[in-house]
Amino acid sequence: MQIEKKMVSKTKVKFSVVVPALTMNDLFEKEYEKMAPTVNLPGFRPGKAPRAMAIEAIGLNRLANLAIERALNEGYMQALKEHNVFPVNQPAVSVSKNPSFLEGANNELTFEIEFDIITGAKIGDWKKIKADRPDPKKIEVTDEEVDKVIDFLSRQAATLNDKGGVAEKGDWVEISFSGEVAHVKKDALTSNNFPMVIGETKMIDGFAEKLIGMKKGETKEFELALPKDIPDRDIAGKKAKFSVELIETKEIIKPKIDNEFADKFGHKTVAALKAAIKKSLVDEKTEKEMQEAKGKISEQIIKLTKVDIPASMIADEAGRLKQSLIGSLKERGADYNSYLKSLNLSEEKMTKDLEDQAKKNIILGVGLSEIAKTEKIDISEGAGTDKIYERILEVCAK
């Protein structure tokens, strides 16, 4: 197999491949030997039909295509291995000479493979990176923070009792409401059988306070100014008129914070529960600080790394980022176009921003890979990236 390499540009390579007729004939034979046992023809035992009849039954074109496909794959893999290059996109394949596998024909195969690669990857002196390793011993967790978690757990274990009289702050209520702007009903301001806790469930400023004093079955109308930063720019900052029906009111009865309560969460005493919560909060804050440290390290790696990046790779990563954003917005009940409108961004500006972020992501990945090479860090297994950051902290942290 003859393989010639040509750099089309700094980031695009083309291989011209010639597969000799003898090799193609051999590949054709291998495909024939694989398929022949499956041929059933009248008067012959399976796999025992004459070659010409078997080929006719299988299909000459089918066998030829299988042999060519195998040659293309083998030529591609050999080109990668011989020239130590790694594609970053799907290769474009162009066949200039196809074998026919007819008797007496020259069955040589010639084709070209073209794809993008990353070239010129270099990283500066990464050992001069400024880094701080988070120290759990220096992480502070207050009693107030622990008590907030205790309160959250007590609410999880709370019971709801039917309540007469009027709704008060801290009560659980179920409401149905609709909102309109300029006499037009808005779906974004409307919900049926909506459960909430007055004063705790996040609502439009002033909404929860209007529920205080209402009785079960009562309907109330009121007006509120909508926030200026909501995603729907058509109604942001405008005045909305709401109609609310209070369907149900319940009093939240929280359990006593004692050893029996602690036992429900796997601890024998309240003190043990609080100690476990404090440790969990320390771990949480330590992890947050570690992510911040990695972020600062990443920014420095990006500045230190020089590499030529194919446009196709940037476009692919930008597309992935966009789809991730759309999915995240959808989970929050938001729309991509409304999101752009809320930020006063054009599609062109967003595309540019995503491409800039994509480029940074790719450069960071290349930089981390270069460090992994110099430090002989195996990144083929899970947590490979964490190993690189850990090594950087070992070398660079104060």
Protein backbone atom coordinates (compact mmCIF):
# COMPACT_ATOMS: atom_id res chain seq x y z
CA MET A 1 0.00 0.00 0.00
CA GLN A 2 1.52 3.34 -1.09
CA ILE A 3 0.63 6.39 0.99
CA GLU A 4 1.63 9.98 0.25
CA LYS A 5 0.95 12.87 2.62
CA LYS A 6 0.28 16.47 1.63
CA MET A 7 -0.54 19.41 3.92
CA VAL A 8 -3.40 21.30 2.29
CA SER A 9 -3.17 23.99 4.99
CA LYS A 10 -1.82 24.32 8.52
CA THR A 11 -4.78 22.34 9.83
CA LYS A 12 -5.81 20.15 6.88
CA VAL A 13 -4.01 17.06 5.58
CA LYS A 14 -4.59 14.94 2.48
CA PHE A 15 -3.39 11.37 1.93
CA SER A 16 -3.18 9.80 -1.53
CA VAL A 17 -3.41 6.03 -1.22
CA VAL A 18 -2.72 3.32 -3.81
CA VAL A 19 -3.78 -0.23 -2.97
CA PRO A 20 -2.12 -2.75 -5.37
CA ALA A 21 -4.26 -5.12 -7.42
CA LEU A 22 -2.86 -8.16 -5.57
CA THR A 23 -3.97 -6.72 -2.23
CA MET A 24 -7.43 -5.92 -3.60
CA ASN A 25 -7.78 -9.42 -5.06
CA ASP A 26 -6.84 -10.84 -1.66
CA LEU A 27 -9.47 -8.67 0.08
CA PHE A 28 -12.07 -9.76 -2.47
CA GLU A 29 -11.20 -13.41 -1.74
CA LYS A 30 -11.57 -12.89 1.99
CA GLU A 31 -15.03 -11.40 1.51
CA TYR A 32 -15.98 -14.22 -0.84
CA GLU A 33 -14.80 -16.88 1.63
CA LYS A 34 -16.85 -15.20 4.34
CA MET A 35 -20.03 -15.05 2.24
CA ALA A 36 -19.82 -18.33 0.22
CA PRO A 37 -20.93 -20.65 3.07
CA THR A 38 -24.21 -18.71 3.29
CA VAL A 39 -25.16 -19.43 -0.36
CA ASN A 40 -27.93 -22.02 -0.90
CA LEU A 41 -28.49 -23.10 -4.49
CA PRO A 42 -30.74 -25.97 -5.70
CA GLY A 43 -28.73 -29.15 -6.29
CA PHE A 44 -25.78 -28.08 -4.14
CA ARG A 45 -25.05 -28.44 -0.46
CA PRO A 46 -24.71 -25.07 1.40
CA GLY A 47 -21.36 -23.50 0.55
CA LYS A 48 -20.56 -26.08 -2.16
CA ALA A 49 -21.90 -24.27 -5.24
CA PRO A 50 -19.40 -23.51 -8.06
CA ARG A 51 -17.54 -20.21 -7.54
CA ALA A 52 -19.09 -18.43 -10.54
CA MET A 53 -22.62 -19.37 -9.45
CA ALA A 54 -21.92 -18.41 -5.83
CA ILE A 55 -20.54 -15.01 -6.85
CA GLU A 56 -23.60 -14.42 -9.03
CA ALA A 57 -25.89 -15.35 -6.11
CA ILE A 58 -24.06 -13.09 -3.65
CA GLY A 59 -23.63 -10.30 -6.18
CA LEU A 60 -20.32 -9.22 -7.70
CA ASN A 61 -21.00 -5.56 -6.82
CA ARG A 62 -21.73 -6.47 -3.22
CA LEU A 63 -18.46 -8.36 -2.84
CA ALA A 64 -16.56 -5.58 -4.62
CA ASN A 65 -18.03 -2.91 -2.33
CA LEU A 66 -17.17 -4.94 0.77
CA ALA A 67 -13.57 -5.37 -0.41
CA ILE A 68 -13.25 -1.67 -1.28
CA GLU A 69 -14.74 -0.59 2.06
CA ARG A 70 -12.23 -2.80 3.87
CA ALA A 71 -9.35 -1.36 1.81
CA LEU A 72 -10.48 2.21 2.55
CA ASN A 73 -10.57 1.52 6.29
CA GLU A 74 -7.19 -0.22 6.30
CA GLY A 75 -5.61 2.56 4.20
CA TYR A 76 -7.02 5.20 6.51
CA MET A 77 -5.75 3.49 9.67
CA GLN A 78 -2.33 2.86 8.13
CA ALA A 79 -2.02 6.53 7.12
CA LEU A 80 -2.81 7.64 10.68
CA LYS A 81 -0.27 5.21 12.13
CA GLU A 82 2.55 5.91 9.67
CA HIS A 83 2.32 9.69 9.93
CA ASN A 84 1.20 9.95 13.57
CA VAL A 85 -1.75 12.26 12.91
CA PHE A 86 -5.15 12.36 14.59
CA PRO A 87 -8.30 13.55 12.76
CA VAL A 88 -10.64 15.99 14.49
CA ASN A 89 -13.53 15.59 12.05
CA GLN A 90 -15.01 13.01 9.71
CA PRO A 91 -12.62 12.34 6.80
CA ALA A 92 -13.68 13.16 3.24
CA VAL A 93 -12.92 10.21 0.94
CA SER A 94 -12.61 10.48 -2.83
CA VAL A 95 -12.04 7.36 -4.94
CA SER A 96 -10.32 8.03 -8.28
CA LYS A 97 -9.89 4.45 -9.48
CA ASN A 98 -12.21 1.58 -8.60
CA PRO A 99 -11.42 -2.10 -9.19
CA SER A 100 -14.07 -4.03 -11.13
CA PHE A 101 -12.90 -7.55 -10.16
CA LEU A 102 -13.85 -8.75 -13.64
CA GLU A 103 -11.63 -11.39 -15.22
CA GLY A 104 -8.41 -9.89 -16.58
CA ALA A 105 -9.04 -6.44 -15.06
CA ASN A 106 -6.44 -4.37 -13.22
CA ASN A 107 -7.99 -4.23 -9.76
CA GLU A 108 -5.83 -1.46 -8.32
CA LEU A 109 -7.64 0.97 -6.00
CA THR A 110 -6.61 4.63 -5.66
CA PHE A 111 -8.24 7.13 -3.35
CA GLU A 112 -7.66 10.28 -1.33
CA ILE A 113 -8.54 10.98 2.31
CA GLU A 114 -8.73 14.54 3.59
CA PHE A 115 -9.40 15.67 7.15
CA ASP A 116 -8.58 18.34 9.72
CA ILE A 117 -5.88 17.93 12.35
CA ILE A 118 -4.47 19.95 15.24
CA THR A 119 -0.92 21.09 14.56
CA GLY A 120 1.78 23.16 16.20
CA ALA A 121 0.67 22.45 19.76
CA LYS A 122 3.11 24.02 22.24
CA ILE A 123 2.77 25.04 25.85
CA GLY A 124 4.96 27.47 27.74
CA ASP A 125 6.47 26.90 31.17
CA TRP A 126 3.39 25.61 32.96
CA LYS A 127 5.41 25.05 36.13
CA LYS A 128 5.24 28.81 36.71
CA ILE A 129 1.44 28.72 36.95
CA LYS A 130 0.17 30.49 40.07
CA ALA A 131 -2.11 28.15 42.01
CA ASP A 132 -3.60 27.81 45.50
CA ARG A 133 -4.72 24.47 46.91
CA PRO A 134 -7.88 24.71 49.07
CA ASP A 135 -7.27 23.74 52.71
CA PRO A 136 -10.30 22.13 54.42
CA LYS A 137 -8.83 23.10 57.81
CA LYS A 138 -9.20 26.77 56.88
CA ILE A 139 -12.81 26.43 55.71
CA GLU A 140 -15.27 28.04 58.13
CA VAL A 141 -18.82 26.79 58.68
CA THR A 142 -21.02 28.75 61.12
CA ASP A 143 -23.65 27.37 63.49
CA GLU A 144 -26.19 29.42 61.53
CA GLU A 145 -25.33 27.53 58.33
CA VAL A 146 -25.75 24.20 60.11
CA ASP A 147 -29.08 25.32 61.60
CA LYS A 148 -30.33 26.27 58.12
CA VAL A 149 -29.72 22.69 56.98
CA ILE A 150 -31.42 21.36 60.11
CA ASP A 151 -34.42 23.58 59.35
CA PHE A 152 -34.49 22.33 55.75
CA LEU A 153 -34.46 18.71 56.98
CA SER A 154 -37.22 19.44 59.48
CA ARG A 155 -39.36 20.86 56.66
CA GLN A 156 -38.79 17.68 54.68
CA ALA A 157 -40.08 15.68 57.66
CA ALA A 158 -42.93 18.13 58.38
CA THR A 159 -46.64 17.28 58.24
CA LEU A 160 -49.38 19.45 56.75
CA ASN A 161 -52.50 20.00 58.85
CA ASP A 162 -55.73 21.48 57.52
CA LYS A 163 -56.14 25.03 58.68
CA GLY A 164 -59.18 27.23 59.07
CA GLY A 165 -59.12 30.98 59.13
CA VAL A 166 -56.80 33.11 57.03
CA ALA A 167 -53.53 32.30 55.29
CA GLU A 168 -50.38 33.51 57.06
CA LYS A 169 -46.70 33.75 56.26
CA GLY A 170 -45.16 30.28 56.46
CA ASP A 171 -48.38 28.46 55.52
CA TRP A 172 -48.56 25.94 52.69
CA VAL A 173 -51.20 26.95 50.16
CA GLU A 174 -52.53 25.73 46.85
CA ILE A 175 -53.62 28.45 44.43
CA SER A 176 -54.79 28.94 40.87
CA PHE A 177 -53.93 32.26 39.25
CA SER A 178 -53.90 34.02 35.93
CA GLY A 179 -52.15 37.20 34.90
CA GLU A 180 -52.74 39.61 32.07
CA VAL A 181 -50.82 42.52 30.62
CA ALA A 182 -52.71 45.25 28.77
CA HIS A 183 -55.89 43.11 29.03
CA VAL A 184 -54.18 40.15 27.31
CA LYS A 185 -53.87 36.90 29.30
CA LYS A 186 -50.27 35.59 29.48
CA ASP A 187 -49.51 31.87 29.82
CA ALA A 188 -46.23 32.69 31.58
CA LEU A 189 -48.26 34.39 34.34
CA THR A 190 -50.88 31.66 34.68
CA SER A 191 -50.98 28.37 36.61
CA ASN A 192 -53.59 26.02 38.06
CA ASN A 193 -53.34 24.15 41.39
CA PHE A 194 -49.97 25.69 42.14
CA PRO A 195 -48.50 24.66 45.56
CA MET A 196 -46.31 27.12 47.46
CA VAL A 197 -45.21 28.23 50.91
CA ILE A 198 -46.01 31.87 51.59
CA GLY A 199 -42.81 33.82 52.09
CA GLU A 200 -40.53 30.98 50.95
CA THR A 201 -41.49 29.96 47.42
CA LYS A 202 -39.89 32.36 44.97
CA MET A 203 -42.54 34.50 43.26
CA ILE A 204 -42.80 37.96 41.72
CA ASP A 205 -42.05 40.59 44.38
CA GLY A 206 -45.21 41.41 46.29
CA PHE A 207 -47.21 38.38 45.05
CA ALA A 208 -46.93 36.24 48.21
CA GLU A 209 -47.83 39.17 50.47
CA LYS A 210 -51.17 39.55 48.64
CA LEU A 211 -52.12 36.00 49.76
CA ILE A 212 -51.80 36.80 53.46
CA GLY A 213 -55.24 37.21 55.01
CA MET A 214 -57.07 35.27 52.25
CA LYS A 215 -59.46 32.44 53.16
CA LYS A 216 -60.04 29.08 51.47
CA GLY A 217 -62.24 29.54 48.38
CA GLU A 218 -61.63 33.29 48.25
CA THR A 219 -60.68 35.07 45.00
CA LYS A 220 -58.60 38.22 44.87
CA GLU A 221 -57.43 40.60 42.16
CA PHE A 222 -54.40 42.86 42.33
CA GLU A 223 -51.78 44.56 40.19
CA LEU A 224 -48.01 44.18 40.35
CA ALA A 225 -45.05 45.55 38.39
CA LEU A 226 -43.19 42.76 36.65
CA PRO A 227 -39.38 42.53 37.02
CA LYS A 228 -37.32 44.15 34.29
CA ASP A 229 -34.97 41.16 34.01
CA ILE A 230 -37.46 38.38 33.19
CA PRO A 231 -36.76 36.46 29.93
CA ASP A 232 -39.94 37.56 28.16
CA ARG A 233 -38.99 41.07 27.03
CA ASP A 234 -42.53 41.78 25.78
CA ILE A 235 -43.83 41.97 29.34
CA ALA A 236 -40.67 42.73 31.34
CA GLY A 237 -41.08 45.78 33.56
CA LYS A 238 -44.76 46.18 32.69
CA LYS A 239 -47.74 46.19 35.04
CA ALA A 240 -49.69 42.91 35.30
CA LYS A 241 -53.16 42.29 36.68
CA PHE A 242 -53.56 39.01 38.59
CA SER A 243 -56.63 37.05 39.61
CA VAL A 244 -55.90 34.48 42.35
CA GLU A 245 -58.10 31.79 43.93
CA LEU A 246 -56.99 30.24 47.24
CA ILE A 247 -57.90 26.57 46.95
CA GLU A 248 -56.33 25.11 50.09
CA THR A 249 -54.45 26.30 53.20
CA LYS A 250 -52.40 24.03 55.46
CA GLU A 251 -50.26 24.67 58.49
CA ILE A 252 -46.73 23.27 58.36
CA ILE A 253 -45.98 21.30 61.53
CA LYS A 254 -42.26 20.72 61.88
CA PRO A 255 -40.98 17.87 64.09
CA LYS A 256 -39.11 18.45 67.34
CA ILE A 257 -35.34 18.55 66.84
CA ASP A 258 -34.29 15.69 69.14
CA ASN A 259 -32.42 12.39 69.00
CA GLU A 260 -35.44 10.68 67.44
CA PHE A 261 -35.34 13.27 64.63
CA ALA A 262 -31.57 12.71 64.19
CA ASP A 263 -32.13 8.95 63.98
CA LYS A 264 -34.30 9.45 60.88
CA PHE A 265 -31.20 10.74 59.11
CA GLY A 266 -28.88 7.96 60.29
CA HIS A 267 -27.40 9.58 63.41
CA LYS A 268 -27.97 8.67 67.05
CA THR A 269 -27.88 12.19 68.45
CA VAL A 270 -28.57 15.74 67.31
CA ALA A 271 -24.91 16.56 68.00
CA ALA A 272 -23.79 13.75 65.68
CA LEU A 273 -26.21 14.96 63.00
CA LYS A 274 -24.88 18.50 63.26
CA ALA A 275 -21.29 17.26 63.09
CA ALA A 276 -22.10 15.31 59.91
CA ILE A 277 -23.81 18.36 58.40
CA LYS A 278 -20.81 20.54 59.26
CA LYS A 279 -18.43 18.07 57.59
CA SER A 280 -20.67 17.95 54.51
CA LEU A 281 -20.68 21.76 54.30
CA VAL A 282 -16.89 21.85 54.66
CA ASP A 283 -16.59 19.31 51.81
CA GLU A 284 -19.00 21.39 49.72
CA LYS A 285 -17.05 24.61 50.26
CA THR A 286 -13.74 22.85 49.65
CA GLU A 287 -15.02 21.48 46.34
CA LYS A 288 -16.27 24.95 45.39
CA GLU A 289 -12.85 26.43 46.14
CA MET A 290 -11.20 23.61 44.17
CA GLN A 291 -13.36 24.41 41.14
CA GLU A 292 -12.40 28.08 41.46
CA ALA A 293 -8.72 27.09 41.67
CA LYS A 294 -9.08 24.93 38.55
CA GLY A 295 -10.74 27.85 36.78
CA LYS A 296 -7.77 30.13 37.53
CA ILE A 297 -5.34 27.40 36.43
CA SER A 298 -7.32 26.87 33.23
CA GLU A 299 -7.14 30.58 32.34
CA GLN A 300 -3.35 30.45 32.66
CA ILE A 301 -3.06 27.25 30.60
CA ILE A 302 -5.07 28.86 27.79
CA LYS A 303 -2.68 31.83 27.75
CA LEU A 304 0.37 29.53 27.74
CA THR A 305 -0.86 27.23 24.96
CA LYS A 306 -0.20 27.93 21.28
CA VAL A 307 -1.95 25.76 18.71
CA ASP A 308 -3.48 25.93 15.23
CA ILE A 309 -7.14 24.92 15.50
CA PRO A 310 -9.21 23.79 12.48
CA ALA A 311 -12.30 25.90 11.80
CA SER A 312 -14.37 22.70 11.63
CA MET A 313 -13.39 21.80 15.18
CA ILE A 314 -14.37 25.23 16.51
CA ALA A 315 -17.70 25.02 14.65
CA ASP A 316 -18.41 21.54 16.08
CA GLU A 317 -17.62 22.62 19.66
CA ALA A 318 -19.66 25.85 19.27
CA GLY A 319 -22.58 23.77 18.01
CA ARG A 320 -22.29 21.48 21.03
CA LEU A 321 -22.26 24.48 23.38
CA LYS A 322 -25.34 25.92 21.68
CA GLN A 323 -27.29 22.67 21.97
CA SER A 324 -26.28 22.42 25.64
CA LEU A 325 -27.54 25.98 26.23
CA ILE A 326 -30.84 25.28 24.45
CA GLY A 327 -31.33 22.13 26.55
CA SER A 328 -30.57 23.98 29.77
CA LEU A 329 -33.02 26.77 28.90
CA LYS A 330 -35.70 24.22 28.03
CA GLU A 331 -35.31 22.55 31.43
CA ARG A 332 -35.98 25.94 33.03
CA GLY A 333 -39.00 26.52 30.82
CA ALA A 334 -37.24 29.19 28.79
CA ASP A 335 -36.82 29.66 25.05
CA TYR A 336 -33.54 30.29 23.19
CA ASN A 337 -34.86 33.22 21.14
CA SER A 338 -36.42 34.81 24.24
CA TYR A 339 -33.10 34.34 26.03
CA LEU A 340 -31.27 36.21 23.27
CA LYS A 341 -33.89 38.94 23.43
CA SER A 342 -33.55 39.27 27.21
CA LEU A 343 -29.79 39.80 26.84
CA ASN A 344 -30.27 42.08 23.83
CA LEU A 345 -28.05 39.75 21.78
CA SER A 346 -28.28 39.04 18.07
CA GLU A 347 -27.85 35.51 16.72
CA GLU A 348 -24.59 36.66 15.10
CA LYS A 349 -23.21 37.98 18.42
CA MET A 350 -24.20 34.80 20.26
CA THR A 351 -22.56 32.67 17.55
CA LYS A 352 -19.38 34.71 17.92
CA ASP A 353 -19.44 34.35 21.72
CA LEU A 354 -19.97 30.60 21.45
CA GLU A 355 -17.12 30.28 18.96
CA ASP A 356 -14.82 32.24 21.29
CA GLN A 357 -15.74 29.92 24.17
CA ALA A 358 -15.33 26.88 21.93
CA LYS A 359 -11.82 28.00 20.98
CA LYS A 360 -10.91 28.41 24.66
CA ASN A 361 -12.27 24.94 25.46
CA ILE A 362 -10.20 23.37 22.69
CA ILE A 363 -7.01 25.25 23.61
CA LEU A 364 -7.46 24.21 27.24
CA GLY A 365 -7.89 20.58 26.20
CA VAL A 366 -4.73 20.72 24.08
CA GLY A 367 -2.77 22.42 26.88
CA LEU A 368 -3.84 19.80 29.43
CA SER A 369 -2.89 17.05 26.97
CA GLU A 370 0.58 18.57 26.50
CA ILE A 371 1.11 18.62 30.28
CA ALA A 372 -0.10 15.02 30.48
CA LYS A 373 2.51 14.05 27.87
CA THR A 374 5.41 15.73 29.66
CA GLU A 375 4.37 14.32 33.03
CA LYS A 376 3.47 10.87 31.60
CA ILE A 377 -0.06 11.05 33.03
CA ASP A 378 -2.47 8.42 31.69
CA ILE A 379 -5.63 10.27 30.67
CA SER A 380 -7.24 7.31 28.88
CA GLU A 381 -9.10 6.30 32.04
CA GLY A 382 -11.74 8.21 33.99
CA ALA A 383 -10.69 11.25 36.04
CA GLY A 384 -7.71 11.78 33.72
CA THR A 385 -8.20 15.56 33.72
CA ASP A 386 -8.35 15.60 37.53
CA LYS A 387 -4.93 13.88 37.58
CA ILE A 388 -3.46 16.69 35.49
CA TYR A 389 -4.86 19.43 37.73
CA GLU A 390 -3.61 17.51 40.77
CA ARG A 391 -0.12 17.38 39.28
CA ILE A 392 -0.22 21.11 38.55
CA LEU A 393 -1.22 21.79 42.16
CA GLU A 394 1.59 19.52 43.43
CA VAL A 395 4.14 21.50 41.43
CA CYS A 396 2.71 25.03 41.57
CA ALA A 397 0.59 25.45 44.70
CA LYS A 398 2.00 27.67 47.43
